[in-house]
Amino acid sequence: MKRLEDSDEFKKFRQEHGKAYLCAGFFVLDFEQGKNMQQIDFCIPSSRKIATFVLDNGVKLKISDPVKLKKKLSKLDKDAITDIDALKGIVHDEMLNRTVTGEIKKIIAVLQNDHGKKIWNLNCITGDMGIIRVHIDDASSSILEFEKASLFDFVKMIPKDMNIASPDDKTPKK
């Protein structure tokens, strides 16, 4: 946040959108290639737009088209208690407690306010093509939800007996 707040891009944004508020942080932690990504989102309530600051290689601002929201985005306090670098260890400890094997290769982390609580919503990808979904309470660093699934659970399989023709196939279907 300090790097964002010190940037000219953010200072200009604040002058133009004084009522905008922090609503989420989005982070990708890539432990294989080291290509991490940091993104901070602000809601601009007057125009129903989201301002996204990408903090990789400087500070870049992107403002979305107006979005239709089912509910108002909650304001997020800028000071996180659980350090982003601690997330992997917290998840790893819980994996050991639940006898879940696999090495965490990547974490997609979203910090947001959920029903008045600051929550880290994590999707972790493991080396064995597993996905571990975890919610961590920022204030206590405790696990609120933990779910393990396989990436293949999300891939829609087409049954072998299904007759699928290509668009140029003129053969009549059975």
N, C-alpha and C. Protein backbone atom coordinates (compact mmCIF):
# COMPACT_ATOMS: atom_id res chain seq x y z
N MET A 1 0.82 -1.20 0.00
CA MET A 1 0.00 0.00 0.00
C MET A 1 0.87 1.26 0.00
N LYS A 2 1.99 1.19 0.70
CA LYS A 2 2.85 2.38 0.76
C LYS A 2 3.35 2.75 -0.64
N ARG A 3 3.77 1.73 -1.40
CA ARG A 3 4.25 1.99 -2.77
C ARG A 3 3.13 2.59 -3.62
N LEU A 4 1.91 2.08 -3.46
CA LEU A 4 0.77 2.60 -4.21
C LEU A 4 0.49 4.05 -3.81
N GLU A 5 0.38 4.30 -2.52
CA GLU A 5 0.04 5.63 -2.04
C GLU A 5 1.10 6.68 -2.38
N ASP A 6 2.34 6.26 -2.53
CA ASP A 6 3.42 7.19 -2.88
C ASP A 6 3.49 7.48 -4.38
N SER A 7 2.77 6.72 -5.19
CA SER A 7 2.87 6.88 -6.65
C SER A 7 2.08 8.10 -7.14
N ASP A 8 2.59 8.72 -8.20
CA ASP A 8 1.90 9.85 -8.82
C ASP A 8 0.55 9.42 -9.39
N GLU A 9 0.49 8.20 -9.92
CA GLU A 9 -0.74 7.66 -10.50
C GLU A 9 -1.86 7.63 -9.45
N PHE A 10 -1.54 7.18 -8.25
CA PHE A 10 -2.54 7.09 -7.19
C PHE A 10 -2.94 8.48 -6.69
N LYS A 11 -1.97 9.37 -6.55
CA LYS A 11 -2.27 10.73 -6.08
C LYS A 11 -3.22 11.43 -7.04
N LYS A 12 -2.99 11.26 -8.33
CA LYS A 12 -3.88 11.85 -9.34
C LYS A 12 -5.27 11.22 -9.25
N PHE A 13 -5.32 9.91 -9.09
CA PHE A 13 -6.60 9.19 -8.95
C PHE A 13 -7.37 9.72 -7.75
N ARG A 14 -6.69 9.89 -6.62
CA ARG A 14 -7.34 10.37 -5.40
C ARG A 14 -7.93 11.77 -5.57
N GLN A 15 -7.24 12.62 -6.35
CA GLN A 15 -7.76 13.97 -6.59
C GLN A 15 -9.05 13.91 -7.41
N GLU A 16 -9.10 13.00 -8.38
CA GLU A 16 -10.27 12.88 -9.26
C GLU A 16 -11.41 12.07 -8.63
N HIS A 17 -11.07 11.14 -7.76
CA HIS A 17 -12.08 10.22 -7.19
C HIS A 17 -11.92 10.15 -5.67
N GLY A 18 -12.21 11.25 -5.01
CA GLY A 18 -12.03 11.35 -3.56
C GLY A 18 -12.88 10.38 -2.75
N LYS A 19 -14.03 9.98 -3.31
CA LYS A 19 -14.92 9.08 -2.56
C LYS A 19 -14.66 7.61 -2.85
N ALA A 20 -13.70 7.32 -3.70
CA ALA A 20 -13.37 5.92 -4.00
C ALA A 20 -12.80 5.27 -2.74
N TYR A 21 -13.08 3.99 -2.60
CA TYR A 21 -12.59 3.28 -1.42
C TYR A 21 -12.01 1.92 -1.80
N LEU A 22 -11.06 1.49 -1.00
CA LEU A 22 -10.42 0.21 -1.18
C LEU A 22 -11.45 -0.89 -0.98
N CYS A 23 -11.52 -1.84 -1.94
CA CYS A 23 -12.50 -2.92 -1.81
C CYS A 23 -11.88 -4.31 -1.90
N ALA A 24 -10.68 -4.46 -2.45
CA ALA A 24 -10.07 -5.79 -2.54
C ALA A 24 -8.59 -5.69 -2.91
N GLY A 25 -7.90 -6.75 -2.55
CA GLY A 25 -6.53 -6.95 -2.99
C GLY A 25 -6.47 -8.30 -3.66
N PHE A 26 -5.79 -8.39 -4.79
CA PHE A 26 -5.69 -9.63 -5.55
C PHE A 26 -4.22 -9.91 -5.78
N PHE A 27 -3.79 -11.12 -5.42
CA PHE A 27 -2.37 -11.45 -5.48
C PHE A 27 -2.18 -12.85 -6.05
N VAL A 28 -1.15 -13.01 -6.85
CA VAL A 28 -0.76 -14.33 -7.33
C VAL A 28 0.66 -14.57 -6.83
N LEU A 29 0.82 -15.66 -6.09
CA LEU A 29 2.12 -16.06 -5.57
C LEU A 29 2.54 -17.30 -6.33
N ASP A 30 3.53 -17.17 -7.19
CA ASP A 30 3.99 -18.26 -8.02
C ASP A 30 5.32 -18.76 -7.47
N PHE A 31 5.29 -19.93 -6.83
CA PHE A 31 6.48 -20.45 -6.17
C PHE A 31 7.39 -21.21 -7.12
N GLU A 32 6.94 -21.51 -8.33
CA GLU A 32 7.78 -22.20 -9.31
C GLU A 32 8.59 -21.22 -10.13
N GLN A 33 7.91 -20.25 -10.71
CA GLN A 33 8.57 -19.32 -11.62
C GLN A 33 8.87 -17.97 -10.98
N GLY A 34 8.33 -17.74 -9.81
CA GLY A 34 8.58 -16.48 -9.11
C GLY A 34 7.93 -15.27 -9.76
N LYS A 35 6.94 -15.49 -10.60
CA LYS A 35 6.23 -14.38 -11.27
C LYS A 35 5.00 -14.02 -10.45
N ASN A 36 5.23 -13.26 -9.42
CA ASN A 36 4.13 -12.85 -8.55
C ASN A 36 3.41 -11.64 -9.15
N MET A 37 2.16 -11.45 -8.75
CA MET A 37 1.36 -10.35 -9.25
C MET A 37 0.61 -9.72 -8.08
N GLN A 38 0.55 -8.39 -8.08
CA GLN A 38 -0.16 -7.67 -7.04
C GLN A 38 -1.11 -6.67 -7.67
N GLN A 39 -2.34 -6.69 -7.19
CA GLN A 39 -3.36 -5.80 -7.75
C GLN A 39 -4.23 -5.29 -6.59
N ILE A 40 -4.47 -4.00 -6.57
CA ILE A 40 -5.30 -3.38 -5.54
C ILE A 40 -6.50 -2.74 -6.22
N ASP A 41 -7.71 -3.03 -5.73
CA ASP A 41 -8.94 -2.55 -6.36
C ASP A 41 -9.65 -1.53 -5.48
N PHE A 42 -10.12 -0.47 -6.13
CA PHE A 42 -10.91 0.57 -5.47
C PHE A 42 -12.25 0.67 -6.16
N CYS A 43 -13.29 0.81 -5.38
CA CYS A 43 -14.63 1.01 -5.92
C CYS A 43 -14.86 2.52 -6.06
N ILE A 44 -15.37 2.93 -7.23
CA ILE A 44 -15.74 4.33 -7.46
C ILE A 44 -17.27 4.35 -7.44
N PRO A 45 -17.88 4.62 -6.29
CA PRO A 45 -19.34 4.45 -6.15
C PRO A 45 -20.18 5.35 -7.06
N SER A 46 -19.70 6.54 -7.35
CA SER A 46 -20.49 7.47 -8.17
C SER A 46 -20.69 6.97 -9.59
N SER A 47 -19.74 6.20 -10.12
CA SER A 47 -19.84 5.74 -11.50
C SER A 47 -19.99 4.22 -11.62
N ARG A 48 -20.02 3.52 -10.46
CA ARG A 48 -20.13 2.06 -10.43
C ARG A 48 -18.98 1.40 -11.22
N LYS A 49 -17.80 1.98 -11.10
CA LYS A 49 -16.62 1.44 -11.77
C LYS A 49 -15.63 0.93 -10.73
N ILE A 50 -14.75 0.05 -11.20
CA ILE A 50 -13.68 -0.47 -10.35
C ILE A 50 -12.35 0.03 -10.92
N ALA A 51 -11.56 0.66 -10.06
CA ALA A 51 -10.22 1.11 -10.44
C ALA A 51 -9.24 0.07 -9.94
N THR A 52 -8.46 -0.47 -10.86
CA THR A 52 -7.50 -1.52 -10.54
C THR A 52 -6.09 -0.97 -10.72
N PHE A 53 -5.32 -1.07 -9.65
CA PHE A 53 -3.92 -0.67 -9.69
C PHE A 53 -3.08 -1.95 -9.73
N VAL A 54 -2.34 -2.13 -10.80
CA VAL A 54 -1.43 -3.26 -10.92
C VAL A 54 -0.06 -2.77 -10.49
N LEU A 55 0.53 -3.46 -9.52
CA LEU A 55 1.77 -2.98 -8.90
C LEU A 55 3.01 -3.71 -9.37
N ASP A 56 2.95 -4.33 -10.51
CA ASP A 56 4.12 -5.02 -11.06
C ASP A 56 4.81 -4.08 -12.04
N ASN A 57 6.11 -3.91 -11.88
CA ASN A 57 6.88 -2.99 -12.75
C ASN A 57 6.29 -1.59 -12.74
N GLY A 58 6.21 -1.01 -11.58
CA GLY A 58 5.63 0.32 -11.44
C GLY A 58 4.18 0.22 -11.01
N VAL A 59 3.44 1.31 -11.16
CA VAL A 59 2.02 1.34 -10.80
C VAL A 59 1.23 1.71 -12.04
N LYS A 60 0.33 0.82 -12.45
CA LYS A 60 -0.51 1.06 -13.62
C LYS A 60 -1.97 1.03 -13.21
N LEU A 61 -2.75 1.98 -13.71
CA LEU A 61 -4.16 2.09 -13.39
C LEU A 61 -5.02 1.67 -14.57
N LYS A 62 -6.03 0.86 -14.28
CA LYS A 62 -7.06 0.50 -15.26
C LYS A 62 -8.39 0.73 -14.59
N ILE A 63 -9.30 1.42 -15.28
CA ILE A 63 -10.64 1.65 -14.75
C ILE A 63 -11.63 0.89 -15.62
N SER A 64 -12.46 0.10 -14.97
CA SER A 64 -13.42 -0.76 -15.68
C SER A 64 -14.57 0.05 -16.24
N ASP A 65 -15.34 -0.59 -17.10
CA ASP A 65 -16.63 -0.05 -17.50
C ASP A 65 -17.54 -0.17 -16.28
N PRO A 66 -18.67 0.54 -16.26
CA PRO A 66 -19.59 0.40 -15.13
C PRO A 66 -20.00 -1.07 -14.95
N VAL A 67 -20.06 -1.50 -13.70
CA VAL A 67 -20.41 -2.88 -13.40
C VAL A 67 -21.75 -2.92 -12.66
N LYS A 68 -22.49 -3.98 -12.91
CA LYS A 68 -23.74 -4.19 -12.19
C LYS A 68 -23.42 -5.07 -11.00
N LEU A 69 -23.66 -4.56 -9.83
CA LEU A 69 -23.35 -5.30 -8.61
C LEU A 69 -24.64 -5.74 -7.94
N LYS A 70 -24.66 -6.98 -7.47
CA LYS A 70 -25.82 -7.48 -6.74
C LYS A 70 -25.90 -6.83 -5.37
N LYS A 71 -24.73 -6.55 -4.80
CA LYS A 71 -24.67 -5.86 -3.52
C LYS A 71 -23.50 -4.89 -3.54
N LYS A 72 -23.56 -3.91 -2.68
CA LYS A 72 -22.50 -2.92 -2.61
C LYS A 72 -21.21 -3.59 -2.14
N LEU A 73 -20.11 -3.24 -2.79
CA LEU A 73 -18.81 -3.77 -2.36
C LEU A 73 -18.45 -3.16 -1.01
N SER A 74 -18.02 -4.00 -0.11
CA SER A 74 -17.66 -3.55 1.23
C SER A 74 -16.31 -2.85 1.22
N LYS A 75 -16.20 -1.85 2.08
CA LYS A 75 -14.92 -1.16 2.24
C LYS A 75 -13.96 -2.10 2.95
N LEU A 76 -12.71 -1.99 2.57
CA LEU A 76 -11.66 -2.83 3.14
C LEU A 76 -10.63 -1.94 3.81
N ASP A 77 -10.33 -2.25 5.05
CA ASP A 77 -9.27 -1.55 5.78
C ASP A 77 -7.94 -1.90 5.12
N LYS A 78 -7.09 -0.93 4.90
CA LYS A 78 -5.85 -1.17 4.14
C LYS A 78 -4.79 -1.95 4.90
N ASP A 79 -4.91 -2.06 6.20
CA ASP A 79 -3.87 -2.72 6.98
C ASP A 79 -4.24 -4.18 7.23
N ALA A 80 -3.57 -5.09 6.55
CA ALA A 80 -3.77 -6.51 6.78
C ALA A 80 -2.90 -6.95 7.95
N ILE A 81 -3.44 -7.81 8.79
CA ILE A 81 -2.68 -8.32 9.93
C ILE A 81 -1.87 -9.54 9.52
N THR A 82 -2.49 -10.44 8.76
CA THR A 82 -1.78 -11.63 8.29
C THR A 82 -0.95 -11.23 7.08
N ASP A 83 0.34 -11.44 7.17
CA ASP A 83 1.24 -11.08 6.09
C ASP A 83 1.06 -12.03 4.92
N ILE A 84 1.10 -11.50 3.73
CA ILE A 84 0.91 -12.32 2.53
C ILE A 84 1.96 -13.43 2.44
N ASP A 85 3.16 -13.16 2.92
CA ASP A 85 4.22 -14.17 2.88
C ASP A 85 3.97 -15.33 3.85
N ALA A 86 3.07 -15.15 4.81
CA ALA A 86 2.76 -16.21 5.78
C ALA A 86 1.67 -17.16 5.27
N LEU A 87 0.97 -16.79 4.19
CA LEU A 87 -0.16 -17.59 3.73
C LEU A 87 0.23 -19.02 3.37
N LYS A 88 1.34 -19.19 2.67
CA LYS A 88 1.76 -20.53 2.26
C LYS A 88 1.99 -21.42 3.49
N GLY A 89 2.64 -20.90 4.51
CA GLY A 89 2.90 -21.67 5.72
C GLY A 89 1.62 -22.04 6.46
N ILE A 90 0.67 -21.12 6.51
CA ILE A 90 -0.61 -21.40 7.18
C ILE A 90 -1.34 -22.53 6.47
N VAL A 91 -1.38 -22.45 5.13
CA VAL A 91 -2.05 -23.50 4.36
C VAL A 91 -1.29 -24.82 4.49
N HIS A 92 0.03 -24.78 4.43
CA HIS A 92 0.83 -25.99 4.54
C HIS A 92 0.60 -26.70 5.88
N ASP A 93 0.56 -25.93 6.96
CA ASP A 93 0.30 -26.52 8.28
C ASP A 93 -1.06 -27.20 8.32
N GLU A 94 -2.07 -26.57 7.73
CA GLU A 94 -3.41 -27.17 7.71
C GLU A 94 -3.44 -28.41 6.84
N MET A 95 -2.68 -28.39 5.74
CA MET A 95 -2.58 -29.58 4.89
C MET A 95 -2.01 -30.75 5.70
N LEU A 96 -0.97 -30.49 6.49
CA LEU A 96 -0.38 -31.54 7.33
C LEU A 96 -1.39 -32.05 8.35
N ASN A 97 -2.15 -31.14 8.96
CA ASN A 97 -3.16 -31.53 9.94
C ASN A 97 -4.23 -32.43 9.33
N ARG A 98 -4.51 -32.24 8.06
CA ARG A 98 -5.56 -33.01 7.38
C ARG A 98 -4.98 -34.13 6.51
N THR A 99 -3.70 -34.39 6.66
CA THR A 99 -2.97 -35.39 5.88
C THR A 99 -3.20 -35.23 4.37
N VAL A 100 -3.15 -34.00 3.94
CA VAL A 100 -3.25 -33.69 2.51
C VAL A 100 -1.83 -33.56 1.99
N THR A 101 -1.52 -34.35 0.96
CA THR A 101 -0.17 -34.30 0.39
C THR A 101 -0.15 -33.39 -0.83
N GLY A 102 1.01 -33.10 -1.28
CA GLY A 102 1.17 -32.24 -2.45
C GLY A 102 1.91 -30.98 -2.05
N GLU A 103 2.65 -30.46 -3.00
CA GLU A 103 3.41 -29.24 -2.77
C GLU A 103 2.68 -28.07 -3.42
N ILE A 104 2.55 -26.98 -2.69
CA ILE A 104 1.87 -25.80 -3.22
C ILE A 104 2.76 -25.15 -4.27
N LYS A 105 2.24 -25.02 -5.48
CA LYS A 105 2.99 -24.42 -6.58
C LYS A 105 2.59 -22.95 -6.80
N LYS A 106 1.32 -22.66 -6.54
CA LYS A 106 0.82 -21.30 -6.81
C LYS A 106 -0.34 -21.02 -5.87
N ILE A 107 -0.44 -19.78 -5.42
CA ILE A 107 -1.58 -19.34 -4.61
C ILE A 107 -2.18 -18.11 -5.28
N ILE A 108 -3.48 -18.17 -5.48
CA ILE A 108 -4.24 -17.01 -5.94
C ILE A 108 -4.99 -16.52 -4.71
N ALA A 109 -4.66 -15.33 -4.24
CA ALA A 109 -5.19 -14.83 -2.98
C ALA A 109 -5.98 -13.55 -3.21
N VAL A 110 -7.16 -13.49 -2.60
CA VAL A 110 -7.98 -12.29 -2.65
C VAL A 110 -8.25 -11.88 -1.20
N LEU A 111 -7.93 -10.65 -0.89
CA LEU A 111 -8.22 -10.10 0.43
C LEU A 111 -9.45 -9.22 0.28
N GLN A 112 -10.49 -9.55 1.05
CA GLN A 112 -11.73 -8.78 0.94
C GLN A 112 -12.47 -8.78 2.26
N ASN A 113 -13.44 -7.91 2.36
CA ASN A 113 -14.27 -7.81 3.55
C ASN A 113 -15.51 -8.66 3.30
N ASP A 114 -15.74 -9.65 4.15
CA ASP A 114 -16.88 -10.53 4.00
C ASP A 114 -17.67 -10.52 5.30
N HIS A 115 -18.84 -9.90 5.26
CA HIS A 115 -19.73 -9.80 6.43
C HIS A 115 -19.00 -9.18 7.63
N GLY A 116 -18.26 -8.12 7.35
CA GLY A 116 -17.59 -7.39 8.42
C GLY A 116 -16.26 -7.98 8.86
N LYS A 117 -15.83 -9.08 8.25
CA LYS A 117 -14.54 -9.69 8.58
C LYS A 117 -13.61 -9.60 7.39
N LYS A 118 -12.36 -9.28 7.66
CA LYS A 118 -11.37 -9.26 6.59
C LYS A 118 -10.91 -10.70 6.38
N ILE A 119 -11.11 -11.21 5.17
CA ILE A 119 -10.86 -12.62 4.86
C ILE A 119 -9.88 -12.73 3.70
N TRP A 120 -8.94 -13.68 3.84
CA TRP A 120 -8.08 -14.09 2.73
C TRP A 120 -8.78 -15.27 2.08
N ASN A 121 -9.18 -15.13 0.83
CA ASN A 121 -9.81 -16.20 0.07
C ASN A 121 -8.74 -16.75 -0.87
N LEU A 122 -8.29 -17.99 -0.62
CA LEU A 122 -7.17 -18.56 -1.35
C LEU A 122 -7.60 -19.73 -2.23
N ASN A 123 -7.04 -19.79 -3.41
CA ASN A 123 -7.10 -20.97 -4.27
C ASN A 123 -5.65 -21.37 -4.50
N CYS A 124 -5.29 -22.54 -3.99
CA CYS A 124 -3.91 -23.03 -4.07
C CYS A 124 -3.85 -24.17 -5.08
N ILE A 125 -2.87 -24.12 -5.94
CA ILE A 125 -2.67 -25.17 -6.94
C ILE A 125 -1.46 -25.98 -6.50
N THR A 126 -1.64 -27.31 -6.43
CA THR A 126 -0.57 -28.18 -6.00
C THR A 126 0.07 -28.89 -7.18
N GLY A 127 1.23 -29.47 -6.95
CA GLY A 127 1.97 -30.15 -8.00
C GLY A 127 1.25 -31.36 -8.56
N ASP A 128 0.32 -31.95 -7.81
CA ASP A 128 -0.42 -33.12 -8.28
C ASP A 128 -1.76 -32.74 -8.91
N MET A 129 -1.85 -31.51 -9.41
CA MET A 129 -3.05 -30.98 -10.08
C MET A 129 -4.24 -30.85 -9.12
N GLY A 130 -3.95 -30.68 -7.85
CA GLY A 130 -5.00 -30.47 -6.86
C GLY A 130 -5.26 -28.99 -6.67
N ILE A 131 -6.44 -28.69 -6.20
CA ILE A 131 -6.81 -27.33 -5.85
C ILE A 131 -7.26 -27.35 -4.40
N ILE A 132 -6.70 -26.47 -3.64
CA ILE A 132 -7.11 -26.35 -2.24
C ILE A 132 -7.69 -24.96 -2.06
N ARG A 133 -8.94 -24.93 -1.63
CA ARG A 133 -9.61 -23.65 -1.39
C ARG A 133 -9.64 -23.41 0.11
N VAL A 134 -9.15 -22.24 0.51
CA VAL A 134 -9.02 -21.94 1.92
C VAL A 134 -9.49 -20.51 2.18
N HIS A 135 -10.21 -20.33 3.27
CA HIS A 135 -10.54 -18.99 3.76
C HIS A 135 -9.82 -18.82 5.09
N ILE A 136 -9.09 -17.72 5.21
CA ILE A 136 -8.33 -17.44 6.42
C ILE A 136 -8.80 -16.11 6.99
N ASP A 137 -9.10 -16.11 8.29
CA ASP A 137 -9.46 -14.88 8.99
C ASP A 137 -8.20 -14.05 9.15
N ASP A 138 -8.22 -12.83 8.63
CA ASP A 138 -7.02 -11.99 8.68
C ASP A 138 -6.63 -11.65 10.11
N ALA A 139 -7.60 -11.40 10.98
CA ALA A 139 -7.31 -10.95 12.34
C ALA A 139 -6.59 -12.02 13.16
N SER A 140 -6.97 -13.30 12.98
CA SER A 140 -6.41 -14.36 13.81
C SER A 140 -5.52 -15.34 13.05
N SER A 141 -5.46 -15.20 11.73
CA SER A 141 -4.73 -16.14 10.86
C SER A 141 -5.26 -17.56 10.98
N SER A 142 -6.52 -17.71 11.39
CA SER A 142 -7.09 -19.04 11.56
C SER A 142 -7.87 -19.46 10.32
N ILE A 143 -7.91 -20.76 10.09
CA ILE A 143 -8.61 -21.33 8.94
C ILE A 143 -10.11 -21.34 9.22
N LEU A 144 -10.88 -20.73 8.32
CA LEU A 144 -12.34 -20.74 8.44
C LEU A 144 -12.95 -21.83 7.58
N GLU A 145 -12.37 -22.05 6.41
CA GLU A 145 -12.84 -23.08 5.48
C GLU A 145 -11.62 -23.71 4.82
N PHE A 146 -11.74 -25.03 4.55
CA PHE A 146 -10.67 -25.75 3.88
C PHE A 146 -11.32 -26.83 3.03
N GLU A 147 -11.03 -26.81 1.74
CA GLU A 147 -11.62 -27.79 0.83
C GLU A 147 -10.57 -28.20 -0.19
N LYS A 148 -10.42 -29.51 -0.38
CA LYS A 148 -9.47 -30.03 -1.37
C LYS A 148 -10.27 -30.61 -2.52
N ALA A 149 -9.83 -30.34 -3.72
CA ALA A 149 -10.47 -30.87 -4.92
C ALA A 149 -9.37 -31.13 -5.95
N SER A 150 -9.74 -31.81 -7.01
CA SER A 150 -8.82 -32.06 -8.11
C SER A 150 -9.15 -31.10 -9.24
N LEU A 151 -8.14 -30.67 -9.96
CA LEU A 151 -8.38 -29.81 -11.11
C LEU A 151 -9.31 -30.51 -12.10
N PHE A 152 -9.21 -31.82 -12.15
CA PHE A 152 -10.04 -32.58 -13.09
C PHE A 152 -11.51 -32.57 -12.69
N ASP A 153 -11.83 -32.24 -11.44
CA ASP A 153 -13.23 -32.11 -11.04
C ASP A 153 -13.89 -30.94 -11.76
N PHE A 154 -13.07 -30.00 -12.23
CA PHE A 154 -13.60 -28.81 -12.87
C PHE A 154 -13.60 -28.90 -14.39
N VAL A 155 -12.97 -29.93 -14.91
CA VAL A 155 -12.92 -30.11 -16.36
C VAL A 155 -14.12 -30.94 -16.77
N LYS A 156 -14.90 -30.40 -17.68
CA LYS A 156 -16.09 -31.12 -18.13
C LYS A 156 -15.66 -32.18 -19.14
N MET A 157 -15.94 -33.44 -18.83
CA MET A 157 -15.57 -34.54 -19.71
C MET A 157 -16.73 -34.85 -20.65
N ILE A 158 -16.41 -35.12 -21.91
CA ILE A 158 -17.42 -35.49 -22.90
C ILE A 158 -17.44 -37.01 -22.98
N PRO A 159 -18.61 -37.62 -22.80
CA PRO A 159 -18.68 -39.08 -22.87
C PRO A 159 -18.24 -39.59 -24.24
N LYS A 160 -17.55 -40.76 -24.24
CA LYS A 160 -17.02 -41.33 -25.47
C LYS A 160 -18.12 -41.69 -26.46
N ASP A 161 -19.29 -42.08 -25.97
CA ASP A 161 -20.36 -42.52 -26.86
C ASP A 161 -21.14 -41.37 -27.48
N MET A 162 -20.79 -40.14 -27.15
CA MET A 162 -21.49 -38.99 -27.70
C MET A 162 -20.98 -38.72 -29.11
N ASN A 163 -21.88 -38.59 -30.06
CA ASN A 163 -21.51 -38.36 -31.46
C ASN A 163 -21.42 -36.85 -31.69
N ILE A 164 -20.20 -36.34 -31.80
CA ILE A 164 -19.99 -34.91 -32.02
C ILE A 164 -19.36 -34.73 -33.39
N ALA A 165 -20.03 -33.95 -34.21
CA ALA A 165 -19.53 -33.72 -35.57
C ALA A 165 -18.95 -32.32 -35.65
N SER A 166 -17.96 -32.17 -36.52
CA SER A 166 -17.39 -30.83 -36.74
C SER A 166 -18.36 -30.03 -37.60
N PRO A 167 -18.26 -28.69 -37.62
CA PRO A 167 -19.18 -27.87 -38.39
C PRO A 167 -19.18 -28.20 -39.90
N ASP A 168 -18.05 -28.65 -40.48
CA ASP A 168 -18.06 -28.95 -41.91
C ASP A 168 -18.43 -30.40 -42.22
N ASP A 169 -18.70 -31.18 -41.20
CA ASP A 169 -19.07 -32.60 -41.41
C ASP A 169 -20.51 -32.64 -41.89
N LYS A 170 -20.71 -33.15 -43.09
CA LYS A 170 -22.06 -33.21 -43.70
C LYS A 170 -22.75 -34.55 -43.45
N THR A 171 -22.09 -35.46 -42.71
CA THR A 171 -22.72 -36.75 -42.46
C THR A 171 -23.90 -36.59 -41.52
N PRO A 172 -25.01 -37.23 -41.84
CA PRO A 172 -26.17 -37.11 -40.95
C PRO A 172 -25.89 -37.75 -39.59
N LYS A 173 -26.45 -37.15 -38.55
CA LYS A 173 -26.27 -37.69 -37.21
C LYS A 173 -27.21 -38.85 -37.01
N LYS A 174 -26.81 -39.79 -36.17
CA LYS A 174 -27.64 -40.97 -35.86
C LYS A 174 -28.78 -40.59 -34.95
